[in-house]
Amino acid sequence: MFFKSVLTLLLIVFSFTANATVKINHWQTTSGSEVYFVENHDLPIIDMSVNFPAGNSRDTKQTSGVASVTRYMMTLGADSMNEEVITNKFADIGAILGGELDADRAAFKLRTLTDEQTKALETFNKILHKPDFPQSVLDREKTRIIAGINEAATQPESIANKAFMRALYGAHPYSLDGSGEVETINAMKREDLTQFYNTFYTSKSAVIALIGDMTEQQARVIAETTSAGLPQTPAVGKLPEVTFPQAANTQNINHPASQAHILLGYPGIKRGDVDYFPLYVGNYILGGGGFVSRLTQEVREKRGLVYSVYSYFIPTAELGPFQIGLQTKKDQAADALKLVNATVAKFIQNGVTEKELKSAKDNIIGGFPMRIDSNANILDYLSVIGFYKLPLTYLDDFNKKVASVTTKQIKDAFQRRIKPENFVTVTVGAQ
C-alpha cells in the first residue's frame, strides 16, 4: 500500500540527535493505567504500546502456555472481526500492529500515520477490549503449537534452554516454558483464555506508552479511551521471590548433535537493582563485549575451544538469570567448561583493570545514542521505565551511571551476587 511505503520511508529518514534529551511526561488515567508520553512532531507518526503483567510467569504448571496463546489469539479475532479483517484494516491505512511476550510482560504495539490514527486506534482498541478467542482458531493454533513443541524437543539449543531454566528456578514460575507443554496445550480451553484475559489484562495494571506527533492533551484522550475499555478487575499482584541454589547442579543430557551446547549460571538481578550498573559494565568485560571480552579471548581466541561464548544478565521483575553460554565440539566440552569456570572464578576474585574498565565505558557510552535513535527504540524504553517503575530520568542518567562505575564496585558486586560454586550447569550433547 502507498501509505505503508510512505511510513517506511519516513521511519528510515527519522532519527533523534545523539545528545537529545528525552522529556518524559507521566500520569495515570481515571481507570488506573500508568501513562508515559514523549511529544515529537518531527514526523506525522504515532507510536503506542500497551503493556500488561501477563507474561509467561503468570502461567502455572497446569496452565503452561496460556499466557502466550492468549496474547496471540487476541490478534486473531476481536469484536466479530476475524484475523483477515483485522490484518486488512491495518494494511489499508498503512498501520503496523506488533507486540511481544516475555516472562514478565505481554505487549501490544501500534504504529500509524497521524492522519490515520482514528481508524488505527479503533481497531487496536477492539483487539485490547473485545477479544473473541474463536474456538476454531484456537483448535488450529493448538495443533500448530504442539507441532512446534515437538520440533523444539529435538533441538539441542531448545533442550538446553528449557533444562537450564528449570534447574535454575525450580518451582518458581520463571522456570516455565512459555510455549507450554504438549499436555497443557492439549487440555487448553477457550475459557482458560478468557479467564486469563480478565485476570491479567486489567486497566489498573496496564502501562501505556506513547510517542510522536500529538500533544499531551491528545495523548491523554488516547490513553483514557484505551484504559477505560480494559477489564476493570483488581490490579495484578507481584510474582514470588526467587530462591538461590544452595549447591551446584550439573546435568548432562545426551543428544546426537555434532556439538555440545552448554549453559551455566545463577540468579542475577531485578530491574532497578542497586547493583545493576556495576554488574552490567563488569559483564561487558567478562562476556558481553563480544571479541574484546575475557571469555572470548581466553576460551576462543587463545585456545580455540569454542565456536562462541558469551555471558549476560537479564533483569526482570524478580531475579532474572545471569547466564553463560557456549557451543563447542563434543570432545572439547569438558575442557571448554573447565576453562570457562576458571575464567569466571578469576574474574570474580581479582576484578577488572582500569584499562578494561575505560574501554568498556567508552564502548557502552559511545553506543548508547543508537539505543534512542528512533521513536520505536524510545517507545521500548518508555514501556520498560513504566512497567518496572524506573526513574523518569533513566535515559538521561544512563551514561552518567555507566561513567561513575569503579573497578572496586564491579569486584564487590560480583563477589556478593554471583556464586560460581553454586552454578547450575546444563550440557546437551556431552560425550
Protein backbone atom coordinates (compact mmCIF):
# COMPACT_ATOMS: atom_id res chain seq x y z
CA MET A 1 0.00 0.00 0.00
CA PHE A 2 1.07 3.57 -0.70
CA PHE A 3 0.68 4.74 2.89
CA LYS A 4 2.72 1.85 4.22
CA SER A 5 5.54 2.74 1.81
CA VAL A 6 5.41 6.35 2.96
CA LEU A 7 5.54 5.27 6.60
CA THR A 8 8.55 3.04 5.99
CA LEU A 9 10.38 5.86 4.18
CA LEU A 10 9.69 8.30 6.99
CA LEU A 11 10.99 5.86 9.59
CA ILE A 12 14.23 5.40 7.67
CA VAL A 13 14.75 9.14 7.41
CA PHE A 14 13.93 9.91 11.02
CA SER A 15 16.33 9.71 13.95
CA PHE A 16 16.87 11.59 17.17
CA THR A 17 20.03 13.60 17.54
CA ALA A 18 22.64 11.75 19.54
CA ASN A 19 22.56 14.08 22.52
CA ALA A 20 18.82 14.79 22.58
CA THR A 21 17.22 14.91 26.00
CA VAL A 22 14.07 12.82 26.14
CA LYS A 23 11.38 14.62 28.15
CA ILE A 24 9.02 12.02 29.57
CA ASN A 25 5.57 13.03 30.81
CA HIS A 26 3.81 10.69 33.21
CA TRP A 27 0.27 10.47 34.56
CA GLN A 28 -2.45 7.99 35.49
CA THR A 29 -5.76 7.51 33.72
CA THR A 30 -9.06 7.60 35.59
CA SER A 31 -9.21 3.80 35.19
CA GLY A 32 -5.81 3.39 36.85
CA SER A 33 -3.42 2.83 33.94
CA GLU A 34 0.04 4.41 34.05
CA VAL A 35 0.90 6.54 31.01
CA TYR A 36 4.34 7.59 29.74
CA PHE A 37 4.46 10.07 26.88
CA VAL A 38 7.08 11.80 24.73
CA GLU A 39 5.93 14.51 22.34
CA ASN A 40 7.72 14.77 19.00
CA HIS A 41 6.34 16.43 15.88
CA ASP A 42 9.29 15.80 13.55
CA LEU A 43 7.22 13.30 11.57
CA PRO A 44 3.47 12.65 11.22
CA ILE A 45 3.72 9.33 13.06
CA ILE A 46 2.28 7.99 16.30
CA ASP A 47 3.75 5.01 18.17
CA MET A 48 1.91 3.37 21.02
CA SER A 49 2.34 0.32 23.20
CA VAL A 50 0.25 -1.16 25.98
CA ASN A 51 1.99 -3.48 28.42
CA PHE A 52 0.38 -5.88 30.88
CA PRO A 53 1.80 -8.10 33.67
CA ALA A 54 0.63 -11.08 31.63
CA GLY A 55 3.87 -12.77 30.67
CA ASN A 56 4.80 -16.43 30.83
CA SER A 57 5.40 -16.25 34.58
CA ARG A 58 1.66 -15.82 35.13
CA ASP A 59 1.13 -19.38 33.94
CA THR A 60 1.11 -22.31 36.31
CA LYS A 61 2.50 -25.78 35.75
CA GLN A 62 -1.03 -26.91 34.87
CA THR A 63 -1.71 -23.96 32.51
CA SER A 64 1.70 -23.56 30.88
CA GLY A 65 1.29 -21.80 27.53
CA VAL A 66 -1.95 -19.95 28.32
CA ALA A 67 -0.19 -16.56 28.55
CA SER A 68 1.37 -16.94 25.11
CA VAL A 69 -1.77 -18.27 23.44
CA THR A 70 -3.95 -15.56 24.99
CA ARG A 71 -1.78 -12.72 23.72
CA TYR A 72 -1.51 -14.17 20.24
CA MET A 73 -5.17 -15.11 19.95
CA MET A 74 -6.20 -11.54 20.81
CA THR A 75 -4.81 -10.50 17.42
CA LEU A 76 -6.74 -13.21 15.55
CA GLY A 77 -10.28 -12.23 16.40
CA ALA A 78 -11.96 -9.27 18.11
CA ASP A 79 -15.46 -7.75 18.14
CA SER A 80 -16.58 -10.24 15.46
CA MET A 81 -13.63 -9.35 13.20
CA ASN A 82 -11.60 -12.33 12.05
CA GLU A 83 -7.85 -12.24 11.54
CA GLU A 84 -8.14 -11.40 7.85
CA VAL A 85 -10.37 -8.41 8.54
CA ILE A 86 -8.03 -7.17 11.26
CA THR A 87 -4.99 -7.51 9.02
CA ASN A 88 -6.69 -5.68 6.14
CA LYS A 89 -7.92 -2.84 8.35
CA PHE A 90 -4.36 -2.04 9.39
CA ALA A 91 -2.90 -2.64 5.92
CA ASP A 92 -5.42 -0.33 4.22
CA ILE A 93 -4.19 2.65 6.24
CA GLY A 94 -0.53 1.68 6.43
CA ALA A 95 -0.67 0.99 10.18
CA ILE A 96 1.51 -1.69 11.75
CA LEU A 97 0.40 -3.95 14.60
CA GLY A 98 3.13 -5.54 16.70
CA GLY A 99 3.81 -6.89 20.14
CA GLU A 100 5.83 -9.26 22.24
CA LEU A 101 5.74 -11.58 25.21
CA ASP A 102 8.39 -12.41 27.78
CA ALA A 103 8.46 -13.77 31.31
CA ASP A 104 7.03 -10.57 32.79
CA ARG A 105 5.12 -8.71 30.09
CA ALA A 106 2.59 -9.09 27.32
CA ALA A 107 2.75 -6.08 24.99
CA PHE A 108 0.79 -4.76 22.03
CA LYS A 109 2.23 -2.10 19.74
CA LEU A 110 0.71 0.20 17.15
CA ARG A 111 2.41 2.46 14.62
CA THR A 112 0.30 4.71 12.43
CA LEU A 113 0.39 7.91 10.42
CA THR A 114 -1.15 10.74 12.39
CA ASP A 115 -3.90 11.30 9.80
CA GLU A 116 -5.00 7.68 10.09
CA GLN A 117 -4.88 7.42 13.87
CA THR A 118 -8.67 7.35 14.39
CA LYS A 119 -9.14 4.25 12.27
CA ALA A 120 -5.98 2.59 13.56
CA LEU A 121 -6.86 3.18 17.22
CA GLU A 122 -10.40 1.93 16.70
CA THR A 123 -9.16 -1.46 15.50
CA PHE A 124 -6.30 -1.54 18.02
CA ASN A 125 -8.66 -0.92 20.93
CA LYS A 126 -11.09 -3.60 19.77
CA ILE A 127 -8.22 -6.09 19.97
CA LEU A 128 -7.46 -4.97 23.52
CA HIS A 129 -11.06 -4.58 24.69
CA LYS A 130 -13.10 -7.25 22.91
CA PRO A 131 -11.06 -10.33 22.02
CA ASP A 132 -13.24 -13.17 20.74
CA PHE A 133 -10.89 -16.15 21.13
CA PRO A 134 -12.64 -18.08 18.34
CA GLN A 135 -12.83 -21.80 19.06
CA SER A 136 -11.97 -22.81 15.50
CA VAL A 137 -8.86 -20.64 15.53
CA LEU A 138 -7.84 -21.97 18.95
CA ASP A 139 -8.12 -25.56 17.68
CA ARG A 140 -5.94 -24.68 14.68
CA GLU A 141 -3.34 -22.89 16.80
CA LYS A 142 -3.16 -25.71 19.32
CA THR A 143 -2.22 -28.09 16.52
CA ARG A 144 0.46 -25.69 15.28
CA ILE A 145 1.86 -25.06 18.76
CA ILE A 146 2.09 -28.76 19.60
CA ALA A 147 3.98 -29.37 16.37
CA GLY A 148 6.38 -26.60 17.36
CA ILE A 149 6.88 -28.04 20.84
CA ASN A 150 7.65 -31.46 19.40
CA GLU A 151 10.11 -29.95 16.94
CA ALA A 152 11.83 -27.93 19.71
CA ALA A 153 12.20 -31.11 21.76
CA THR A 154 14.65 -32.39 19.13
CA GLN A 155 16.85 -29.29 19.00
CA PRO A 156 19.84 -29.14 21.38
CA GLU A 157 19.63 -25.39 21.96
CA SER A 158 15.95 -25.57 22.94
CA ILE A 159 16.58 -28.59 25.14
CA ALA A 160 19.41 -26.77 26.92
CA ASN A 161 17.39 -23.59 27.49
CA LYS A 162 14.44 -25.48 28.90
CA ALA A 163 16.54 -27.65 31.21
CA PHE A 164 18.61 -24.67 32.37
CA MET A 165 15.58 -22.57 33.38
CA ARG A 166 14.00 -25.50 35.19
CA ALA A 167 17.20 -26.27 37.08
CA LEU A 168 17.83 -22.61 37.91
CA TYR A 169 14.32 -21.68 39.06
CA GLY A 170 12.79 -24.92 40.31
CA ALA A 171 9.18 -24.29 41.34
CA HIS A 172 9.30 -20.56 40.54
CA PRO A 173 7.17 -19.57 37.51
CA TYR A 174 10.27 -18.31 35.70
CA SER A 175 11.05 -22.00 35.17
CA LEU A 176 8.04 -22.47 32.88
CA ASP A 177 8.44 -22.77 29.12
CA GLY A 178 6.40 -20.01 27.51
CA SER A 179 5.40 -22.29 24.63
CA GLY A 180 3.71 -24.65 27.05
CA GLU A 181 3.81 -28.43 27.15
CA VAL A 182 2.02 -30.85 24.86
CA GLU A 183 -0.31 -31.93 27.66
CA THR A 184 -1.16 -28.38 28.77
CA ILE A 185 -1.79 -27.20 25.22
CA ASN A 186 -3.98 -30.24 24.54
CA ALA A 187 -6.00 -29.51 27.68
CA MET A 188 -6.33 -25.77 26.98
CA LYS A 189 -9.89 -24.45 26.63
CA ARG A 190 -11.32 -21.18 25.41
CA GLU A 191 -12.46 -20.48 28.97
CA ASP A 192 -8.83 -20.58 30.11
CA LEU A 193 -8.02 -17.72 27.73
CA THR A 194 -10.98 -15.58 28.74
CA GLN A 195 -10.19 -16.10 32.42
CA PHE A 196 -6.53 -15.22 31.88
CA TYR A 197 -7.50 -12.11 29.92
CA ASN A 198 -9.93 -10.88 32.57
CA THR A 199 -7.42 -11.51 35.34
CA PHE A 200 -4.22 -10.07 33.87
CA TYR A 201 -5.29 -7.54 31.23
CA THR A 202 -6.72 -5.17 33.80
CA SER A 203 -6.72 -1.39 33.37
CA LYS A 204 -5.24 -0.98 36.85
CA SER A 205 -2.13 -2.90 35.81
CA ALA A 206 -1.73 -1.59 32.26
CA VAL A 207 1.20 0.62 31.27
CA ILE A 208 0.57 2.77 28.20
CA ALA A 209 3.49 4.30 26.31
CA LEU A 210 3.03 6.96 23.61
CA ILE A 211 5.45 8.88 21.44
CA GLY A 212 5.14 11.01 18.35
CA ASP A 213 3.04 13.58 16.58
CA MET A 214 0.49 14.52 19.26
CA THR A 215 0.10 16.97 22.09
CA GLU A 216 -0.15 15.88 25.69
CA GLN A 217 -3.88 16.60 25.64
CA GLN A 218 -4.33 14.37 22.60
CA ALA A 219 -2.25 11.67 24.26
CA ARG A 220 -4.44 11.89 27.35
CA VAL A 221 -7.57 11.30 25.28
CA ILE A 222 -6.00 8.29 23.54
CA ALA A 223 -4.83 6.80 26.84
CA GLU A 224 -8.17 7.35 28.55
CA THR A 225 -10.05 5.59 25.76
CA THR A 226 -7.69 2.62 25.76
CA SER A 227 -7.64 2.33 29.53
CA ALA A 228 -11.40 2.64 30.04
CA GLY A 229 -12.20 -0.31 27.78
CA LEU A 230 -9.96 -2.80 29.59
CA PRO A 231 -11.26 -5.19 32.26
CA GLN A 232 -11.94 -3.25 35.47
CA THR A 233 -10.71 -6.10 37.65
CA PRO A 234 -8.23 -5.84 40.56
CA ALA A 235 -4.60 -4.97 39.87
CA VAL A 236 -2.27 -7.91 39.37
CA GLY A 237 -0.10 -8.90 42.33
CA LYS A 238 3.66 -9.36 42.46
CA LEU A 239 5.50 -12.51 41.49
CA PRO A 240 7.03 -14.69 44.23
CA GLU A 241 10.65 -14.11 45.14
CA VAL A 242 13.37 -16.24 43.57
CA THR A 243 15.34 -18.57 45.84
CA PHE A 244 19.05 -19.18 45.28
CA PRO A 245 20.60 -22.59 44.54
CA GLN A 246 22.21 -23.94 47.69
CA ALA A 247 24.61 -26.23 45.83
CA ALA A 248 25.92 -26.83 42.35
CA ASN A 249 23.54 -28.57 39.96
CA THR A 250 25.08 -30.24 36.90
CA GLN A 251 23.06 -32.01 34.21
CA ASN A 252 24.40 -33.89 31.18
CA ILE A 253 21.82 -34.63 28.50
CA ASN A 254 22.64 -36.98 25.65
CA HIS A 255 21.98 -35.78 22.09
CA PRO A 256 23.26 -36.91 18.69
CA ALA A 257 24.21 -33.38 17.60
CA SER A 258 27.78 -32.89 16.40
CA GLN A 259 28.49 -30.20 19.00
CA ALA A 260 27.75 -29.66 22.67
CA HIS A 261 25.56 -26.80 23.91
CA ILE A 262 26.43 -25.66 27.43
CA LEU A 263 24.60 -23.20 29.68
CA LEU A 264 25.61 -22.24 33.19
CA GLY A 265 24.60 -19.50 35.56
CA TYR A 266 22.93 -18.20 38.68
CA PRO A 267 20.01 -15.91 39.61
CA GLY A 268 21.10 -12.37 38.73
CA ILE A 269 19.31 -9.03 39.09
CA LYS A 270 15.96 -7.28 39.07
CA ARG A 271 15.07 -4.18 37.12
CA GLY A 272 16.10 -1.15 39.15
CA ASP A 273 18.63 -3.20 41.13
CA VAL A 274 21.16 -1.10 43.06
CA ASP A 275 23.96 -3.24 41.59
CA TYR A 276 22.70 -3.02 38.02
CA PHE A 277 25.36 -0.72 36.59
CA PRO A 278 28.45 -2.34 38.21
CA LEU A 279 27.21 -5.75 37.09
CA TYR A 280 26.24 -4.51 33.62
CA VAL A 281 29.59 -2.83 32.97
CA GLY A 282 31.50 -5.70 34.58
CA ASN A 283 29.75 -8.26 32.44
CA TYR A 284 30.66 -6.32 29.30
CA ILE A 285 34.26 -7.06 30.24
CA LEU A 286 33.58 -10.66 31.26
CA GLY A 287 31.47 -11.92 28.37
CA GLY A 288 29.13 -9.27 27.00
CA GLY A 289 31.59 -7.32 24.88
CA GLY A 290 31.98 -9.76 22.01
CA PHE A 291 35.54 -10.34 20.83
CA VAL A 292 37.01 -7.99 23.45
CA SER A 293 35.51 -9.88 26.39
CA ARG A 294 37.63 -12.10 28.61
CA LEU A 295 35.65 -15.26 27.93
CA THR A 296 36.05 -14.89 24.17
CA GLN A 297 39.73 -14.05 24.45
CA GLU A 298 40.58 -16.88 26.86
CA VAL A 299 38.36 -19.67 25.59
CA ARG A 300 38.05 -19.00 21.87
CA GLU A 301 40.84 -16.77 20.66
CA LYS A 302 43.75 -18.14 22.71
CA ARG A 303 42.76 -21.81 22.86
CA GLY A 304 40.15 -22.34 20.15
CA LEU A 305 37.94 -24.43 22.40
CA VAL A 306 34.56 -22.98 21.38
CA TYR A 307 32.67 -21.68 18.40
CA SER A 308 31.15 -18.95 20.56
CA VAL A 309 30.94 -17.98 24.22
CA TYR A 310 29.04 -15.17 25.93
CA SER A 311 27.53 -14.02 29.22
CA TYR A 312 24.70 -11.68 30.10
CA PHE A 313 22.28 -10.56 32.77
CA ILE A 314 18.54 -10.49 32.06
CA PRO A 315 16.98 -8.06 34.56
CA THR A 316 13.34 -8.87 35.25
CA ALA A 317 10.65 -8.18 37.88
CA GLU A 318 12.27 -10.76 40.13
CA LEU A 319 15.83 -12.05 39.82
CA GLY A 320 16.46 -12.79 36.16
CA PRO A 321 19.25 -15.14 35.12
CA PHE A 322 22.93 -14.45 34.88
CA GLN A 323 23.74 -16.82 32.05
CA ILE A 324 26.88 -18.03 30.32
CA GLY A 325 26.54 -19.96 27.09
CA LEU A 326 28.99 -21.77 24.82
CA GLN A 327 28.99 -24.14 21.88
CA THR A 328 31.89 -26.49 21.24
CA LYS A 329 32.90 -29.85 19.81
CA LYS A 330 31.80 -32.75 21.97
CA ASP A 331 35.35 -33.90 22.63
CA GLN A 332 36.28 -30.38 23.82
CA ALA A 333 33.25 -29.79 26.03
CA ALA A 334 34.88 -30.77 29.33
CA ASP A 335 38.00 -28.66 28.70
CA ALA A 336 35.98 -25.68 27.50
CA LEU A 337 33.67 -25.77 30.51
CA LYS A 338 36.61 -26.09 32.89
CA LEU A 339 38.28 -23.04 31.35
CA VAL A 340 35.06 -21.01 31.43
CA ASN A 341 34.63 -21.75 35.13
CA ALA A 342 38.26 -20.87 35.81
CA THR A 343 37.95 -17.58 33.89
CA VAL A 344 34.79 -16.63 35.78
CA ALA A 345 36.34 -17.53 39.15
CA LYS A 346 39.44 -15.46 38.39
CA PHE A 347 37.27 -12.55 37.24
CA ILE A 348 35.24 -12.58 40.45
CA GLN A 349 38.29 -12.99 42.68
CA ASN A 350 40.51 -10.34 41.08
CA GLY A 351 38.07 -7.93 39.42
CA VAL A 352 38.88 -5.82 36.36
CA THR A 353 41.69 -3.46 35.41
CA GLU A 354 41.37 0.27 34.90
CA LYS A 355 42.24 -0.21 31.24
CA GLU A 356 39.45 -2.76 30.77
CA LEU A 357 37.01 -0.51 32.57
CA LYS A 358 37.82 2.52 30.46
CA SER A 359 37.46 0.55 27.26
CA ALA A 360 34.11 -0.89 28.37
CA LYS A 361 32.77 2.51 29.36
CA ASP A 362 33.84 4.06 26.08
CA ASN A 363 32.07 1.36 24.10
CA ILE A 364 28.88 1.38 26.15
CA ILE A 365 28.59 5.17 26.31
CA GLY A 366 29.57 5.57 22.66
CA GLY A 367 26.90 3.10 21.56
CA PHE A 368 24.09 4.45 23.73
CA PRO A 369 22.81 7.07 21.24
CA MET A 370 21.92 4.22 18.88
CA ARG A 371 19.54 2.93 21.52
CA ILE A 372 17.43 6.08 21.43
CA ASP A 373 17.78 6.99 17.78
CA SER A 374 14.16 6.36 16.79
CA ASN A 375 10.61 6.59 18.04
CA ALA A 376 10.43 2.80 18.16
CA ASN A 377 13.51 2.50 20.39
CA ILE A 378 12.31 5.21 22.75
CA LEU A 379 8.87 3.58 22.90
CA ASP A 380 10.50 0.38 24.12
CA TYR A 381 12.34 2.31 26.83
CA LEU A 382 9.14 4.10 27.87
CA SER A 383 7.50 0.71 28.29
CA VAL A 384 10.36 -0.63 30.41
CA ILE A 385 10.55 2.53 32.51
CA GLY A 386 6.82 2.43 33.14
CA PHE A 387 6.40 -1.28 33.69
CA TYR A 388 9.31 -1.58 36.12
CA LYS A 389 8.77 1.84 37.70
CA LEU A 390 12.22 3.16 36.86
CA PRO A 391 13.05 6.89 37.29
CA LEU A 392 11.75 9.23 34.59
CA THR A 393 15.35 10.41 34.22
CA TYR A 394 16.58 6.89 33.42
CA LEU A 395 17.62 7.69 29.84
CA ASP A 396 19.31 10.95 30.80
CA ASP A 397 21.12 9.26 33.70
CA PHE A 398 22.24 6.11 31.89
CA ASN A 399 25.62 7.30 30.64
CA LYS A 400 26.31 9.11 33.91
CA LYS A 401 25.69 5.90 35.83
CA VAL A 402 27.96 3.95 33.50
CA ALA A 403 30.70 6.58 33.75
CA SER A 404 30.59 6.52 37.56
CA VAL A 405 31.22 2.75 37.88
CA THR A 406 34.55 1.88 39.52
CA THR A 407 36.69 -1.25 39.48
CA LYS A 408 36.00 -1.63 43.20
CA GLN A 409 32.24 -1.55 42.67
CA ILE A 410 32.44 -4.22 39.97
CA LYS A 411 34.54 -6.55 42.10
CA ASP A 412 32.31 -6.02 45.13
CA ALA A 413 29.06 -6.55 43.22
CA PHE A 414 30.20 -9.76 41.52
CA GLN A 415 31.60 -11.19 44.74
CA ARG A 416 28.35 -10.52 46.59
CA ARG A 417 25.92 -11.51 43.88
CA ILE A 418 27.44 -14.33 41.80
CA LYS A 419 28.39 -17.66 43.43
CA PRO A 420 30.16 -19.97 40.91
CA GLU A 421 30.31 -22.77 43.49
CA ASN A 422 26.50 -22.97 43.26
CA PHE A 423 26.17 -22.60 39.49
CA VAL A 424 23.55 -24.51 37.57
CA THR A 425 25.21 -26.17 34.55
CA VAL A 426 23.46 -27.96 31.69
CA THR A 427 25.28 -29.69 28.86
CA VAL A 428 23.37 -31.07 25.89
CA GLY A 429 25.37 -33.35 23.62
CA ALA A 430 28.13 -34.31 26.03
CA GLN A 431 30.14 -37.44 25.21
